[in-house]
């Protein structure tokens, strides 16, 4: 039973890391779009 848990833990950690990276990527993209809109507004 403990062997199964040891095999599952890296998978859970990997999925959490992927999820965090996805959230950070979406957040960064949203900030980039916001910054671009402000930049376009200032230059027009």
N, C-alpha and C. Protein backbone atom coordinates (compact mmCIF):
# COMPACT_ATOMS: atom_id res chain seq x y z
N UNK A 1 0.83 -1.21 0.00
CA UNK A 1 0.00 0.00 0.00
C UNK A 1 0.87 1.27 0.00
N UNK A 2 1.90 1.27 0.83
CA UNK A 2 2.78 2.45 0.91
C UNK A 2 3.53 2.67 -0.41
N UNK A 3 3.83 1.58 -1.13
CA UNK A 3 4.48 1.68 -2.43
C UNK A 3 3.63 2.42 -3.44
N UNK A 4 2.32 2.20 -3.38
CA UNK A 4 1.37 2.87 -4.27
C UNK A 4 1.33 4.37 -3.98
N UNK A 5 1.33 4.73 -2.70
CA UNK A 5 1.32 6.14 -2.30
C UNK A 5 2.59 6.84 -2.79
N UNK A 6 3.72 6.18 -2.66
CA UNK A 6 5.01 6.72 -3.12
C UNK A 6 4.98 6.98 -4.63
N UNK A 7 4.28 6.14 -5.38
CA UNK A 7 4.16 6.32 -6.83
C UNK A 7 3.20 7.46 -7.18
N UNK A 8 2.16 7.66 -6.37
CA UNK A 8 1.14 8.68 -6.64
C UNK A 8 1.64 10.09 -6.31
N UNK A 9 2.42 10.25 -5.24
CA UNK A 9 2.89 11.57 -4.79
C UNK A 9 3.56 12.39 -5.90
N UNK A 10 4.54 11.86 -6.67
CA UNK A 10 5.15 12.67 -7.74
C UNK A 10 4.14 13.13 -8.79
N UNK A 11 3.16 12.31 -9.08
CA UNK A 11 2.11 12.66 -10.06
C UNK A 11 1.30 13.84 -9.55
N UNK A 12 0.92 13.81 -8.27
CA UNK A 12 0.15 14.90 -7.66
C UNK A 12 0.96 16.19 -7.67
N UNK A 13 2.24 16.11 -7.27
CA UNK A 13 3.12 17.28 -7.25
C UNK A 13 3.27 17.85 -8.66
N UNK A 14 3.45 16.98 -9.65
CA UNK A 14 3.60 17.40 -11.05
C UNK A 14 2.34 18.12 -11.54
N UNK A 15 1.16 17.56 -11.22
CA UNK A 15 -0.10 18.18 -11.64
C UNK A 15 -0.30 19.54 -10.98
N UNK A 16 0.07 19.66 -9.70
CA UNK A 16 -0.04 20.94 -8.99
C UNK A 16 0.88 21.98 -9.64
N UNK A 17 2.11 21.57 -9.97
CA UNK A 17 3.07 22.47 -10.62
C UNK A 17 2.56 22.94 -11.98
N UNK A 18 2.00 22.02 -12.76
CA UNK A 18 1.44 22.35 -14.08
C UNK A 18 0.28 23.34 -13.92
N UNK A 19 -0.57 23.09 -12.93
CA UNK A 19 -1.71 23.97 -12.65
C UNK A 19 -1.24 25.37 -12.28
N UNK A 20 -0.23 25.46 -11.42
CA UNK A 20 0.34 26.76 -11.01
C UNK A 20 0.92 27.48 -12.23
N UNK A 21 1.64 26.76 -13.07
CA UNK A 21 2.23 27.35 -14.28
C UNK A 21 1.16 27.87 -15.22
N UNK A 22 0.07 27.12 -15.38
CA UNK A 22 -1.05 27.55 -16.22
C UNK A 22 -1.68 28.83 -15.69
N UNK A 23 -1.93 28.86 -14.38
CA UNK A 23 -2.54 30.04 -13.75
C UNK A 23 -1.62 31.26 -13.90
N UNK A 24 -0.33 31.07 -13.66
CA UNK A 24 0.64 32.16 -13.80
C UNK A 24 0.72 32.64 -15.24
N UNK A 25 0.67 31.71 -16.18
CA UNK A 25 0.71 32.06 -17.60
C UNK A 25 -0.49 32.89 -18.03
N UNK A 26 -1.68 32.48 -17.58
CA UNK A 26 -2.92 33.21 -17.89
C UNK A 26 -2.88 34.60 -17.25
N UNK A 27 -2.40 34.68 -15.99
CA UNK A 27 -2.29 35.94 -15.26
C UNK A 27 -1.32 36.89 -15.96
N UNK A 28 -0.18 36.36 -16.39
CA UNK A 28 0.83 37.16 -17.10
C UNK A 28 0.27 37.67 -18.43
N UNK A 29 -0.47 36.82 -19.11
CA UNK A 29 -1.09 37.19 -20.39
C UNK A 29 -2.10 38.31 -20.19
N UNK A 30 -2.92 38.21 -19.14
CA UNK A 30 -3.92 39.23 -18.82
C UNK A 30 -3.24 40.56 -18.52
N UNK A 31 -2.16 40.53 -17.76
CA UNK A 31 -1.41 41.75 -17.44
C UNK A 31 -0.79 42.36 -18.69
N UNK A 32 -0.29 41.51 -19.57
CA UNK A 32 0.32 41.96 -20.82
C UNK A 32 -0.70 42.67 -21.70
N UNK A 33 -1.90 42.09 -21.82
CA UNK A 33 -2.98 42.69 -22.61
C UNK A 33 -3.38 44.04 -22.01
N UNK A 34 -3.48 44.08 -20.67
CA UNK A 34 -3.83 45.32 -19.97
C UNK A 34 -2.80 46.40 -20.24
N UNK A 35 -1.52 46.03 -20.15
CA UNK A 35 -0.42 46.96 -20.39
C UNK A 35 -0.42 47.45 -21.84
N UNK A 36 -0.70 46.56 -22.78
CA UNK A 36 -0.77 46.92 -24.20
C UNK A 36 -1.89 47.91 -24.47
N UNK A 37 -3.05 47.69 -23.84
CA UNK A 37 -4.19 48.60 -24.00
C UNK A 37 -3.85 50.00 -23.50
N UNK A 38 -3.18 50.08 -22.34
CA UNK A 38 -2.77 51.37 -21.78
C UNK A 38 -1.75 52.04 -22.71
N UNK A 39 -0.81 51.26 -23.22
CA UNK A 39 0.23 51.75 -24.13
C UNK A 39 -0.38 52.31 -25.41
N UNK A 40 -1.34 51.58 -25.98
CA UNK A 40 -2.02 52.02 -27.21
C UNK A 40 -2.82 53.30 -26.95
N UNK A 41 -3.49 53.34 -25.79
CA UNK A 41 -4.30 54.50 -25.42
C UNK A 41 -3.43 55.75 -25.27
N UNK A 42 -2.25 55.61 -24.69
CA UNK A 42 -1.33 56.74 -24.48
C UNK A 42 -0.76 57.24 -25.81
N UNK A 43 -0.51 56.34 -26.74
CA UNK A 43 0.11 56.71 -28.01
C UNK A 43 -0.87 57.20 -29.07
N UNK A 44 -2.15 56.94 -28.89
CA UNK A 44 -3.12 57.35 -29.90
C UNK A 44 -3.62 58.78 -29.66
